[in-house]
Amino acid sequence: ARLRAVHAWRAPDRLTLGAADSGPAAGQERAEEWLRFLAAVLQVWRDKYPDVEVLGTVAEGRPADALLKAASGARLLVVGHRLPARPALPRTGPVTHAVVQQARCPLAVVPHG
C-alpha cells in the first residue's frame, strides 16, 4: 500500500512582504521547511504502519490544483475539512469545493478541528 501526503501553499503577495521574503530563493527555502515539517509529521505513521509506503510532497501553487494533480491515478483522495467556528452554518472551503467538483477518483472529506 502507498500513502502520499501533499501540502501545497500559495506564495505571499510581494506587496505584503519585503524583497528578501520573495523570489525563487525564498520559495525554495519555504518548500524545504514544509518538506521537513511534513516528514516529521509522517514519521509517526511510517512507524505505526511499516508496511505502508508513506510519501510526502510539497508544492507551491493553488492547493486544489496540487491535490488534483497528485490524485491522478489514485484510488482515493482524502482532504481535510476544518469544522466551522459556527457549526450551525456548515460550509466547505474553496479547496474542498474544487476537489469535490473536479476529482477523477473517489473522494473522502474528513472533518477536523
PDB file of N, CA and C in Angstrom:
ATOM      1  N   ALA A   1       0.847  -1.192   0.000  1.00  0.00           N
ATOM      2  CA  ALA A   1       0.000   0.000   0.000  1.00  0.00           C
ATOM      3  C   ALA A   1       0.883   1.244   0.000  1.00  0.00           C
ATOM      4  N   ARG A   2       0.332   2.316  -0.518  1.00  0.00           N
ATOM      5  CA  ARG A   2       1.078   3.582  -0.582  1.00  0.00           C
ATOM      6  C   ARG A   2       0.161   4.731  -0.161  1.00  0.00           C
ATOM      7  N   LEU A   3       0.730   5.635   0.625  1.00  0.00           N
ATOM      8  CA  LEU A   3       0.036   6.848   1.049  1.00  0.00           C
ATOM      9  C   LEU A   3       0.893   8.038   0.646  1.00  0.00           C
ATOM     10  N   ARG A   4       0.301   8.980  -0.057  1.00  0.00           N
ATOM     11  CA  ARG A   4       1.019  10.204  -0.415  1.00  0.00           C
ATOM     12  C   ARG A   4       0.320  11.376   0.263  1.00  0.00           C
ATOM     13  N   ALA A   5       1.062  12.089   1.086  1.00  0.00           N
ATOM     14  CA  ALA A   5       0.552  13.300   1.735  1.00  0.00           C
ATOM     15  C   ALA A   5       1.075  14.496   0.955  1.00  0.00           C
ATOM     16  N   VAL A   6       0.174  15.417   0.635  1.00  0.00           N
ATOM     17  CA  VAL A   6       0.532  16.590  -0.163  1.00  0.00           C
ATOM     18  C   VAL A   6       0.226  17.846   0.637  1.00  0.00           C
ATOM     19  N   HIS A   7       1.196  18.735   0.691  1.00  0.00           N
ATOM     20  CA  HIS A   7       0.966  20.052   1.277  1.00  0.00           C
ATOM     21  C   HIS A   7       1.271  21.079   0.202  1.00  0.00           C
ATOM     22  N   ALA A   8       0.316  21.931  -0.074  1.00  0.00           N
ATOM     23  CA  ALA A   8       0.512  22.980  -1.077  1.00  0.00           C
ATOM     24  C   ALA A   8       0.211  24.326  -0.454  1.00  0.00           C
ATOM     25  N   TRP A   9       0.875  25.330  -0.955  1.00  0.00           N
ATOM     26  CA  TRP A   9       0.673  26.680  -0.451  1.00  0.00           C
ATOM     27  C   TRP A   9       0.841  27.664  -1.596  1.00  0.00           C
ATOM     28  N   ARG A  10       0.304  28.827  -1.384  1.00  0.00           N
ATOM     29  CA  ARG A  10       0.479  29.919  -2.340  1.00  0.00           C
ATOM     30  C   ARG A  10       1.469  30.897  -1.739  1.00  0.00           C
ATOM     31  N   ALA A  11       2.376  31.370  -2.575  1.00  0.00           N
ATOM     32  CA  ALA A  11       3.370  32.339  -2.114  1.00  0.00           C
ATOM     33  C   ALA A  11       2.675  33.637  -1.730  1.00  0.00           C
ATOM     34  N   PRO A  12       3.120  34.272  -0.647  1.00  0.00           N
ATOM     35  CA  PRO A  12       2.541  35.562  -0.274  1.00  0.00           C
ATOM     36  C   PRO A  12       2.763  36.599  -1.373  1.00  0.00           C
ATOM     37  N   ASP A  13       1.884  37.535  -1.435  1.00  0.00           N
ATOM     38  CA  ASP A  13       1.973  38.626  -2.399  1.00  0.00           C
ATOM     39  C   ASP A  13       3.209  39.470  -2.106  1.00  0.00           C
ATOM     40  N   ARG A  14       3.932  39.877  -3.141  1.00  0.00           N
ATOM     41  CA  ARG A  14       5.134  40.702  -2.955  1.00  0.00           C
ATOM     42  C   ARG A  14       4.829  42.001  -2.224  1.00  0.00           C
ATOM     43  N   LEU A  15       3.614  42.504  -2.362  1.00  0.00           N
ATOM     44  CA  LEU A  15       3.273  43.765  -1.709  1.00  0.00           C
ATOM     45  C   LEU A  15       3.224  43.631  -0.191  1.00  0.00           C
ATOM     46  N   THR A  16       2.962  42.417   0.295  1.00  0.00           N
ATOM     47  CA  THR A  16       2.867  42.220   1.746  1.00  0.00           C
ATOM     48  C   THR A  16       4.200  41.821   2.360  1.00  0.00           C
ATOM     49  N   LEU A  17       5.182  41.507   1.518  1.00  0.00           N
ATOM     50  CA  LEU A  17       6.490  41.088   2.011  1.00  0.00           C
ATOM     51  C   LEU A  17       7.574  41.997   1.470  1.00  0.00           C
ATOM     52  N   GLY A  18       8.703  41.987   2.118  1.00  0.00           N
ATOM     53  CA  GLY A  18       9.859  42.696   1.593  1.00  0.00           C
ATOM     54  C   GLY A  18      10.498  41.887   0.476  1.00  0.00           C
ATOM     55  N   ALA A  19      11.411  42.497  -0.261  1.00  0.00           N
ATOM     56  CA  ALA A  19      12.070  41.829  -1.383  1.00  0.00           C
ATOM     57  C   ALA A  19      12.807  40.568  -0.939  1.00  0.00           C
ATOM     58  N   ALA A  20      13.356  40.570   0.275  1.00  0.00           N
ATOM     59  CA  ALA A  20      14.111  39.406   0.755  1.00  0.00           C
ATOM     60  C   ALA A  20      13.213  38.211   1.026  1.00  0.00           C
ATOM     61  N   ASP A  21      11.915  38.440   1.209  1.00  0.00           N
ATOM     62  CA  ASP A  21      10.983  37.362   1.536  1.00  0.00           C
ATOM     63  C   ASP A  21      10.289  36.779   0.317  1.00  0.00           C
ATOM     64  N   SER A  22      10.660  37.213  -0.871  1.00  0.00           N
ATOM     65  CA  SER A  22      10.013  36.702  -2.071  1.00  0.00           C
ATOM     66  C   SER A  22      11.075  36.298  -3.079  1.00  0.00           C
ATOM     67  N   GLY A  23      10.650  35.697  -4.145  1.00  0.00           N
ATOM     68  CA  GLY A  23      11.576  35.267  -5.177  1.00  0.00           C
ATOM     69  C   GLY A  23      11.888  33.789  -5.077  1.00  0.00           C
ATOM     70  N   PRO A  24      12.667  33.271  -6.040  1.00  0.00           N
ATOM     71  CA  PRO A  24      12.948  31.831  -6.100  1.00  0.00           C
ATOM     72  C   PRO A  24      13.639  31.281  -4.856  1.00  0.00           C
ATOM     73  N   ALA A  25      14.597  32.022  -4.300  1.00  0.00           N
ATOM     74  CA  ALA A  25      15.316  31.518  -3.118  1.00  0.00           C
ATOM     75  C   ALA A  25      14.371  31.369  -1.937  1.00  0.00           C
ATOM     76  N   ALA A  26      13.523  32.362  -1.732  1.00  0.00           N
ATOM     77  CA  ALA A  26      12.561  32.291  -0.624  1.00  0.00           C
ATOM     78  C   ALA A  26      11.593  31.137  -0.838  1.00  0.00           C
ATOM     79  N   GLY A  27      11.155  30.941  -2.077  1.00  0.00           N
ATOM     80  CA  GLY A  27      10.247  29.837  -2.385  1.00  0.00           C
ATOM     81  C   GLY A  27      10.886  28.490  -2.114  1.00  0.00           C
ATOM     82  N   GLN A  28      12.154  28.339  -2.477  1.00  0.00           N
ATOM     83  CA  GLN A  28      12.873  27.087  -2.239  1.00  0.00           C
ATOM     84  C   GLN A  28      13.045  26.841  -0.742  1.00  0.00           C
ATOM     85  N   GLU A  29      13.374  27.887   0.005  1.00  0.00           N
ATOM     86  CA  GLU A  29      13.510  27.743   1.459  1.00  0.00           C
ATOM     87  C   GLU A  29      12.184  27.338   2.090  1.00  0.00           C
ATOM     88  N   ARG A  30      11.112  27.959   1.641  1.00  0.00           N
ATOM     89  CA  ARG A  30       9.785  27.634   2.170  1.00  0.00           C
ATOM     90  C   ARG A  30       9.445  26.173   1.865  1.00  0.00           C
ATOM     91  N   ALA A  31       9.743  25.729   0.659  1.00  0.00           N
ATOM     92  CA  ALA A  31       9.475  24.337   0.284  1.00  0.00           C
ATOM     93  C   ALA A  31      10.263  23.374   1.164  1.00  0.00           C
ATOM     94  N   GLU A  32      11.522  23.688   1.406  1.00  0.00           N
ATOM     95  CA  GLU A  32      12.350  22.822   2.255  1.00  0.00           C
ATOM     96  C   GLU A  32      11.825  22.779   3.685  1.00  0.00           C
ATOM     97  N   GLU A  33      11.369  23.920   4.201  1.00  0.00           N
ATOM     98  CA  GLU A  33      10.791  23.955   5.552  1.00  0.00           C
ATOM     99  C   GLU A  33       9.547  23.078   5.628  1.00  0.00           C
ATOM    100  N   TRP A  34       8.657  23.217   4.645  1.00  0.00           N
ATOM    101  CA  TRP A  34       7.431  22.423   4.644  1.00  0.00           C
ATOM    102  C   TRP A  34       7.739  20.941   4.488  1.00  0.00           C
ATOM    103  N   LEU A  35       8.736  20.612   3.672  1.00  0.00           N
ATOM    104  CA  LEU A  35       9.091  19.209   3.480  1.00  0.00           C
ATOM    105  C   LEU A  35       9.637  18.603   4.771  1.00  0.00           C
ATOM    106  N   ARG A  36      10.455  19.351   5.502  1.00  0.00           N
ATOM    107  CA  ARG A  36      10.956  18.865   6.803  1.00  0.00           C
ATOM    108  C   ARG A  36       9.800  18.671   7.786  1.00  0.00           C
ATOM    109  N   PHE A  37       8.891  19.641   7.828  1.00  0.00           N
ATOM    110  CA  PHE A  37       7.736  19.539   8.723  1.00  0.00           C
ATOM    111  C   PHE A  37       6.889  18.317   8.364  1.00  0.00           C
ATOM    112  N   LEU A  38       6.598  18.160   7.080  1.00  0.00           N
ATOM    113  CA  LEU A  38       5.774  17.042   6.629  1.00  0.00           C
ATOM    114  C   LEU A  38       6.453  15.708   6.934  1.00  0.00           C
ATOM    115  N   ALA A  39       7.763  15.631   6.727  1.00  0.00           N
ATOM    116  CA  ALA A  39       8.499  14.394   7.025  1.00  0.00           C
ATOM    117  C   ALA A  39       8.380  14.032   8.504  1.00  0.00           C
ATOM    118  N   ALA A  40       8.476  15.027   9.374  1.00  0.00           N
ATOM    119  CA  ALA A  40       8.358  14.773  10.817  1.00  0.00           C
ATOM    120  C   ALA A  40       6.958  14.292  11.182  1.00  0.00           C
ATOM    121  N   VAL A  41       5.952  14.917  10.612  1.00  0.00           N
ATOM    122  CA  VAL A  41       4.564  14.513  10.887  1.00  0.00           C
ATOM    123  C   VAL A  41       4.311  13.095  10.379  1.00  0.00           C
ATOM    124  N   LEU A  42       4.805  12.802   9.185  1.00  0.00           N
ATOM    125  CA  LEU A  42       4.551  11.494   8.582  1.00  0.00           C
ATOM    126  C   LEU A  42       5.341  10.368   9.231  1.00  0.00           C
ATOM    127  N   GLN A  43       6.426  10.690   9.934  1.00  0.00           N
ATOM    128  CA  GLN A  43       7.236   9.647  10.562  1.00  0.00           C
ATOM    129  C   GLN A  43       6.418   8.837  11.564  1.00  0.00           C
ATOM    130  N   VAL A  44       5.500   9.481  12.236  1.00  0.00           N
ATOM    131  CA  VAL A  44       4.619   8.780  13.180  1.00  0.00           C
ATOM    132  C   VAL A  44       3.864   7.671  12.457  1.00  0.00           C
ATOM    133  N   TRP A  45       3.359   7.973  11.265  1.00  0.00           N
ATOM    134  CA  TRP A  45       2.579   6.997  10.505  1.00  0.00           C
ATOM    135  C   TRP A  45       3.479   5.929   9.888  1.00  0.00           C
ATOM    136  N   ARG A  46       4.685   6.304   9.497  1.00  0.00           N
ATOM    137  CA  ARG A  46       5.641   5.304   8.991  1.00  0.00           C
ATOM    138  C   ARG A  46       5.963   4.288  10.087  1.00  0.00           C
ATOM    139  N   ASP A  47       6.155   4.788  11.302  1.00  0.00           N
ATOM    140  CA  ASP A  47       6.465   3.903  12.425  1.00  0.00           C
ATOM    141  C   ASP A  47       5.275   3.014  12.776  1.00  0.00           C
ATOM    142  N   LYS A  48       4.090   3.573  12.733  1.00  0.00           N
ATOM    143  CA  LYS A  48       2.887   2.832  13.118  1.00  0.00           C
ATOM    144  C   LYS A  48       2.495   1.787  12.073  1.00  0.00           C
ATOM    145  N   TYR A  49       2.729   2.106  10.787  1.00  0.00           N
ATOM    146  CA  TYR A  49       2.352   1.209   9.694  1.00  0.00           C
ATOM    147  C   TYR A  49       3.563   0.963   8.791  1.00  0.00           C
ATOM    148  N   PRO A  50       4.521   0.155   9.239  1.00  0.00           N
ATOM    149  CA  PRO A  50       5.760  -0.023   8.475  1.00  0.00           C
ATOM    150  C   PRO A  50       5.564  -0.674   7.102  1.00  0.00           C
ATOM    151  N   ASP A  51       4.454  -1.358   6.887  1.00  0.00           N
ATOM    152  CA  ASP A  51       4.215  -1.997   5.588  1.00  0.00           C
ATOM    153  C   ASP A  51       3.621  -1.040   4.561  1.00  0.00           C
ATOM    154  N   VAL A  52       3.320   0.184   4.977  1.00  0.00           N
ATOM    155  CA  VAL A  52       2.751   1.180   4.065  1.00  0.00           C
ATOM    156  C   VAL A  52       3.853   2.147   3.649  1.00  0.00           C
ATOM    157  N   GLU A  53       3.999   2.335   2.345  1.00  0.00           N
ATOM    158  CA  GLU A  53       4.952   3.324   1.836  1.00  0.00           C
ATOM    159  C   GLU A  53       4.314   4.702   2.004  1.00  0.00           C
ATOM    160  N   VAL A  54       4.946   5.560   2.788  1.00  0.00           N
ATOM    161  CA  VAL A  54       4.409   6.894   3.065  1.00  0.00           C
ATOM    162  C   VAL A  54       5.316   7.931   2.409  1.00  0.00           C
ATOM    163  N   LEU A  55       4.744   8.704   1.495  1.00  0.00           N
ATOM    164  CA  LEU A  55       5.486   9.720   0.751  1.00  0.00           C
ATOM    165  C   LEU A  55       4.969  11.102   1.106  1.00  0.00           C
ATOM    166  N   GLY A  56       5.858  12.055   1.191  1.00  0.00           N
ATOM    167  CA  GLY A  56       5.472  13.445   1.431  1.00  0.00           C
ATOM    168  C   GLY A  56       5.856  14.295   0.240  1.00  0.00           C
ATOM    169  N   THR A  57       4.936  15.128  -0.204  1.00  0.00           N
ATOM    170  CA  THR A  57       5.167  16.008  -1.346  1.00  0.00           C
ATOM    171  C   THR A  57       4.730  17.414  -0.979  1.00  0.00           C
ATOM    172  N   VAL A  58       5.519  18.393  -1.373  1.00  0.00           N
ATOM    173  CA  VAL A  58       5.118  19.785  -1.193  1.00  0.00           C
ATOM    174  C   VAL A  58       5.100  20.456  -2.561  1.00  0.00           C
ATOM    175  N   ALA A  59       4.214  21.435  -2.698  1.00  0.00           N
ATOM    176  CA  ALA A  59       4.091  22.137  -3.974  1.00  0.00           C
ATOM    177  C   ALA A  59       3.660  23.570  -3.728  1.00  0.00           C
ATOM    178  N   GLU A  60       4.265  24.476  -4.459  1.00  0.00           N
ATOM    179  CA  GLU A  60       3.835  25.868  -4.401  1.00  0.00           C
ATOM    180  C   GLU A  60       2.819  26.079  -5.511  1.00  0.00           C
ATOM    181  N   GLY A  61       1.705  26.667  -5.163  1.00  0.00           N
ATOM    182  CA  GLY A  61       0.642  26.904  -6.140  1.00  0.00           C
ATOM    183  C   GLY A  61      -0.709  26.738  -5.490  1.00  0.00           C
ATOM    184  N   ARG A  62      -1.725  26.710  -6.321  1.00  0.00           N
ATOM    185  CA  ARG A  62      -3.083  26.540  -5.797  1.00  0.00           C
ATOM    186  C   ARG A  62      -3.216  25.157  -5.166  1.00  0.00           C
ATOM    187  N   PRO A  63      -3.606  25.088  -3.902  1.00  0.00           N
ATOM    188  CA  PRO A  63      -3.723  23.786  -3.245  1.00  0.00           C
ATOM    189  C   PRO A  63      -4.636  22.808  -3.987  1.00  0.00           C
ATOM    190  N   ALA A  64      -5.764  23.273  -4.496  1.00  0.00           N
ATOM    191  CA  ALA A  64      -6.670  22.367  -5.207  1.00  0.00           C
ATOM    192  C   ALA A  64      -5.984  21.769  -6.425  1.00  0.00           C
ATOM    193  N   ASP A  65      -5.250  22.581  -7.171  1.00  0.00           N
ATOM    194  CA  ASP A  65      -4.540  22.076  -8.351  1.00  0.00           C
ATOM    195  C   ASP A  65      -3.510  21.024  -7.959  1.00  0.00           C
ATOM    196  N   ALA A  66      -2.764  21.288  -6.888  1.00  0.00           N
ATOM    197  CA  ALA A  66      -1.741  20.338  -6.437  1.00  0.00           C
ATOM    198  C   ALA A  66      -2.371  19.017  -6.002  1.00  0.00           C
ATOM    199  N   LEU A  67      -3.483  19.093  -5.288  1.00  0.00           N
ATOM    200  CA  LEU A  67      -4.155  17.871  -4.844  1.00  0.00           C
ATOM    201  C   LEU A  67      -4.703  17.080  -6.019  1.00  0.00           C
ATOM    202  N   LEU A  68      -5.326  17.769  -6.958  1.00  0.00           N
ATOM    203  CA  LEU A  68      -5.885  17.084  -8.123  1.00  0.00           C
ATOM    204  C   LEU A  68      -4.783  16.442  -8.960  1.00  0.00           C
ATOM    205  N   LYS A  69      -3.674  17.122  -9.115  1.00  0.00           N
ATOM    206  CA  LYS A  69      -2.549  16.559  -9.869  1.00  0.00           C
ATOM    207  C   LYS A  69      -1.994  15.327  -9.155  1.00  0.00           C
ATOM    208  N   ALA A  70      -1.805  15.430  -7.849  1.00  0.00           N
ATOM    209  CA  ALA A  70      -1.273  14.305  -7.075  1.00  0.00           C
ATOM    210  C   ALA A  70      -2.234  13.121  -7.072  1.00  0.00           C
ATOM    211  N   ALA A  71      -3.526  13.390  -7.202  1.00  0.00           N
ATOM    212  CA  ALA A  71      -4.533  12.332  -7.160  1.00  0.00           C
ATOM    213  C   ALA A  71      -4.703  11.626  -8.501  1.00  0.00           C
ATOM    214  N   SER A  72      -4.011  12.084  -9.516  1.00  0.00           N
ATOM    215  CA  SER A  72      -4.102  11.431 -10.821  1.00  0.00           C
ATOM    216  C   SER A  72      -3.683   9.970 -10.680  1.00  0.00           C
ATOM    217  N   GLY A  73      -4.580   9.075 -10.974  1.00  0.00           N
ATOM    218  CA  GLY A  73      -4.295   7.649 -10.848  1.00  0.00           C
ATOM    219  C   GLY A  73      -4.482   7.093  -9.449  1.00  0.00           C
ATOM    220  N   ALA A  74      -4.906   7.934  -8.511  1.00  0.00           N
ATOM    221  CA  ALA A  74      -5.093   7.475  -7.124  1.00  0.00           C
ATOM    222  C   ALA A  74      -6.375   6.657  -6.993  1.00  0.00           C
ATOM    223  N   ARG A  75      -6.397   5.796  -6.002  1.00  0.00           N
ATOM    224  CA  ARG A  75      -7.609   5.038  -5.703  1.00  0.00           C
ATOM    225  C   ARG A  75      -8.552   5.822  -4.808  1.00  0.00           C
ATOM    226  N   LEU A  76      -7.995   6.793  -4.067  1.00  0.00           N
ATOM    227  CA  LEU A  76      -8.797   7.594  -3.147  1.00  0.00           C
ATOM    228  C   LEU A  76      -8.064   8.896  -2.865  1.00  0.00           C
ATOM    229  N   LEU A  77      -8.802   9.990  -2.858  1.00  0.00           N
ATOM    230  CA  LEU A  77      -8.281  11.298  -2.453  1.00  0.00           C
ATOM    231  C   LEU A  77      -8.966  11.665  -1.145  1.00  0.00           C
ATOM    232  N   VAL A  78      -8.177  11.961  -0.135  1.00  0.00           N
ATOM    233  CA  VAL A  78      -8.716  12.357   1.168  1.00  0.00           C
ATOM    234  C   VAL A  78      -8.299  13.790   1.424  1.00  0.00           C
ATOM    235  N   VAL A  79      -9.269  14.644   1.718  1.00  0.00           N
ATOM    236  CA  VAL A  79      -8.965  16.036   2.052  1.00  0.00           C
ATOM    237  C   VAL A  79      -9.537  16.344   3.426  1.00  0.00           C
ATOM    238  N   GLY A  80      -8.805  17.153   4.165  1.00  0.00           N
ATOM    239  CA  GLY A  80      -9.282  17.606   5.462  1.00  0.00           C
ATOM    240  C   GLY A  80     -10.221  18.782   5.289  1.00  0.00           C
ATOM    241  N   HIS A  81     -11.165  18.886   6.187  1.00  0.00           N
ATOM    242  CA  HIS A  81     -12.133  19.983   6.160  1.00  0.00           C
ATOM    243  C   HIS A  81     -12.239  20.542   7.567  1.00  0.00           C
ATOM    244  N   ARG A  82     -11.845  21.800   7.731  1.00  0.00           N
ATOM    245  CA  ARG A  82     -11.951  22.426   9.057  1.00  0.00           C
ATOM    246  C   ARG A  82     -13.416  22.589   9.426  1.00  0.00           C
ATOM    247  N   LEU A  83     -13.698  22.290  10.669  1.00  0.00           N
ATOM    248  CA  LEU A  83     -15.059  22.498  11.156  1.00  0.00           C
ATOM    249  C   LEU A  83     -15.289  23.995  11.318  1.00  0.00           C
ATOM    250  N   PRO A  84     -16.453  24.476  10.927  1.00  0.00           N
ATOM    251  CA  PRO A  84     -16.706  25.916  11.029  1.00  0.00           C
ATOM    252  C   PRO A  84     -16.771  26.383  12.478  1.00  0.00           C
ATOM    253  N   ALA A  85     -16.413  27.643  12.683  1.00  0.00           N
ATOM    254  CA  ALA A  85     -16.472  28.229  14.025  1.00  0.00           C
ATOM    255  C   ALA A  85     -17.910  28.250  14.526  1.00  0.00           C
ATOM    256  N   ARG A  86     -18.836  28.425  13.600  1.00  0.00           N
ATOM    257  CA  ARG A  86     -20.264  28.408  13.941  1.00  0.00           C
ATOM    258  C   ARG A  86     -20.892  27.194  13.269  1.00  0.00           C
ATOM    259  N   PRO A  87     -20.962  26.063  14.002  1.00  0.00           N
ATOM    260  CA  PRO A  87     -21.434  24.815  13.395  1.00  0.00           C
ATOM    261  C   PRO A  87     -22.813  24.892  12.750  1.00  0.00           C
ATOM    262  N   ALA A  88     -23.622  25.850  13.136  1.00  0.00           N
ATOM    263  CA  ALA A  88     -24.951  25.962  12.536  1.00  0.00           C
ATOM    264  C   ALA A  88     -24.870  26.376  11.070  1.00  0.00           C
ATOM    265  N   LEU A  89     -23.692  26.847  10.645  1.00  0.00           N
ATOM    266  CA  LEU A  89     -23.515  27.295   9.267  1.00  0.00           C
ATOM    267  C   LEU A  89     -22.458  26.435   8.573  1.00  0.00           C
ATOM    268  N   PRO A  90     -22.796  25.187   8.201  1.00  0.00           N
ATOM    269  CA  PRO A  90     -21.795  24.343   7.553  1.00  0.00           C
ATOM    270  C   PRO A  90     -21.369  24.951   6.220  1.00  0.00           C
ATOM    271  N   ARG A  91     -20.085  24.824   5.946  1.00  0.00           N
ATOM    272  CA  ARG A  91     -19.557  25.426   4.728  1.00  0.00           C
ATOM    273  C   ARG A  91     -18.288  24.684   4.330  1.00  0.00           C
ATOM    274  N   THR A  92     -18.128  24.481   3.053  1.00  0.00           N
ATOM    275  CA  THR A  92     -16.857  23.935   2.589  1.00  0.00           C
ATOM    276  C   THR A  92     -16.027  25.087   2.061  1.00  0.00           C
ATOM    277  N   GLY A  93     -14.734  24.960   2.206  1.00  0.00           N
ATOM    278  CA  GLY A  93     -13.831  25.984   1.703  1.00  0.00           C
ATOM    279  C   GLY A  93     -13.571  25.800   0.215  1.00  0.00           C
ATOM    280  N   PRO A  94     -12.812  26.709  -0.366  1.00  0.00           N
ATOM    281  CA  PRO A  94     -12.580  26.664  -1.810  1.00  0.00           C
ATOM    282  C   PRO A  94     -11.792  25.440  -2.271  1.00  0.00           C
ATOM    283  N   VAL A  95     -10.874  24.950  -1.459  1.00  0.00           N
ATOM    284  CA  VAL A  95     -10.099  23.770  -1.869  1.00  0.00           C
ATOM    285  C   VAL A  95     -11.003  22.543  -1.896  1.00  0.00           C
ATOM    286  N   THR A  96     -11.748  22.331  -0.826  1.00  0.00           N
ATOM    287  CA  THR A  96     -12.666  21.194  -0.783  1.00  0.00           C
ATOM    288  C   THR A  96     -13.685  21.291  -1.905  1.00  0.00           C
ATOM    289  N   HIS A  97     -14.243  22.464  -2.107  1.00  0.00           N
ATOM    290  CA  HIS A  97     -15.231  22.652  -3.173  1.00  0.00           C
ATOM    291  C   HIS A  97     -14.637  22.282  -4.536  1.00  0.00           C
ATOM    292  N   ALA A  98     -13.416  22.730  -4.805  1.00  0.00           N
ATOM    293  CA  ALA A  98     -12.787  22.455  -6.099  1.00  0.00           C
ATOM    294  C   ALA A  98     -12.540  20.965  -6.305  1.00  0.00           C
ATOM    295  N   VAL A  99     -12.034  20.279  -5.280  1.00  0.00           N
ATOM    296  CA  VAL A  99     -11.756  18.859  -5.478  1.00  0.00           C
ATOM    297  C   VAL A  99     -13.034  18.037  -5.548  1.00  0.00           C
ATOM    298  N   VAL A 100     -14.079  18.451  -4.838  1.00  0.00           N
ATOM    299  CA  VAL A 100     -15.365  17.759  -4.964  1.00  0.00           C
ATOM    300  C   VAL A 100     -15.862  17.852  -6.405  1.00  0.00           C
ATOM    301  N   GLN A 101     -15.693  19.002  -7.016  1.00  0.00           N
ATOM    302  CA  GLN A 101     -16.166  19.221  -8.382  1.00  0.00           C
ATOM    303  C   GLN A 101     -15.299  18.534  -9.439  1.00  0.00           C
ATOM    304  N   GLN A 102     -13.990  18.407  -9.182  1.00  0.00           N
ATOM    305  CA  GLN A 102     -13.079  18.009 -10.253  1.00  0.00           C
ATOM    306  C   GLN A 102     -12.341  16.689 -10.060  1.00  0.00           C
ATOM    307  N   ALA A 103     -12.411  16.081  -8.900  1.00  0.00           N
ATOM    308  CA  ALA A 103     -11.660  14.845  -8.661  1.00  0.00           C
ATOM    309  C   ALA A 103     -12.122  13.743  -9.604  1.00  0.00           C
ATOM    310  N   ARG A 104     -11.163  12.989 -10.108  1.00  0.00           N
ATOM    311  CA  ARG A 104     -11.446  11.887 -11.029  1.00  0.00           C
ATOM    312  C   ARG A 104     -11.328  10.532 -10.333  1.00  0.00           C
ATOM    313  N   CYS A 105     -11.309  10.572  -9.008  1.00  0.00           N
ATOM    314  CA  CYS A 105     -11.229   9.338  -8.230  1.00  0.00           C
ATOM    315  C   CYS A 105     -12.171   9.495  -7.036  1.00  0.00           C
ATOM    316  N   PRO A 106     -12.440   8.416  -6.321  1.00  0.00           N
ATOM    317  CA  PRO A 106     -13.263   8.546  -5.115  1.00  0.00           C
ATOM    318  C   PRO A 106     -12.642   9.560  -4.153  1.00  0.00           C
ATOM    319  N   LEU A 107     -13.505  10.247  -3.420  1.00  0.00           N
ATOM    320  CA  LEU A 107     -13.079  11.340  -2.550  1.00  0.00           C
ATOM    321  C   LEU A 107     -13.679  11.173  -1.161  1.00  0.00           C
ATOM    322  N   ALA A 108     -12.862  11.393  -0.139  1.00  0.00           N
ATOM    323  CA  ALA A 108     -13.338  11.427   1.245  1.00  0.00           C
ATOM    324  C   ALA A 108     -12.982  12.790   1.819  1.00  0.00           C
ATOM    325  N   VAL A 109     -13.992  13.475   2.352  1.00  0.00           N
ATOM    326  CA  VAL A 109     -13.779  14.761   3.017  1.00  0.00           C
ATOM    327  C   VAL A 109     -13.886  14.485   4.514  1.00  0.00           C
ATOM    328  N   VAL A 110     -12.773  14.686   5.216  1.00  0.00           N
ATOM    329  CA  VAL A 110     -12.682  14.316   6.626  1.00  0.00           C
ATOM    330  C   VAL A 110     -12.640  15.572   7.485  1.00  0.00           C
ATOM    331  N   PRO A 111     -13.656  15.772   8.335  1.00  0.00           N
ATOM    332  CA  PRO A 111     -13.644  16.965   9.193  1.00  0.00           C
ATOM    333  C   PRO A 111     -12.590  16.851  10.290  1.00  0.00           C
ATOM    334  N   HIS A 112     -12.025  17.980  10.646  1.00  0.00           N
ATOM    335  CA  HIS A 112     -11.080  18.037  11.761  1.00  0.00           C
ATOM    336  C   HIS A 112     -11.171  19.413  12.394  1.00  0.00           C
ATOM    337  N   GLY A 113     -10.586  19.545  13.567  1.00  0.00           N
ATOM    338  CA  GLY A 113     -10.552  20.842  14.233  1.00  0.00           C
ATOM    339  C   GLY A 113     -11.501  20.874  15.326  1.00  0.00           C
TER     340      GLY A 113
END
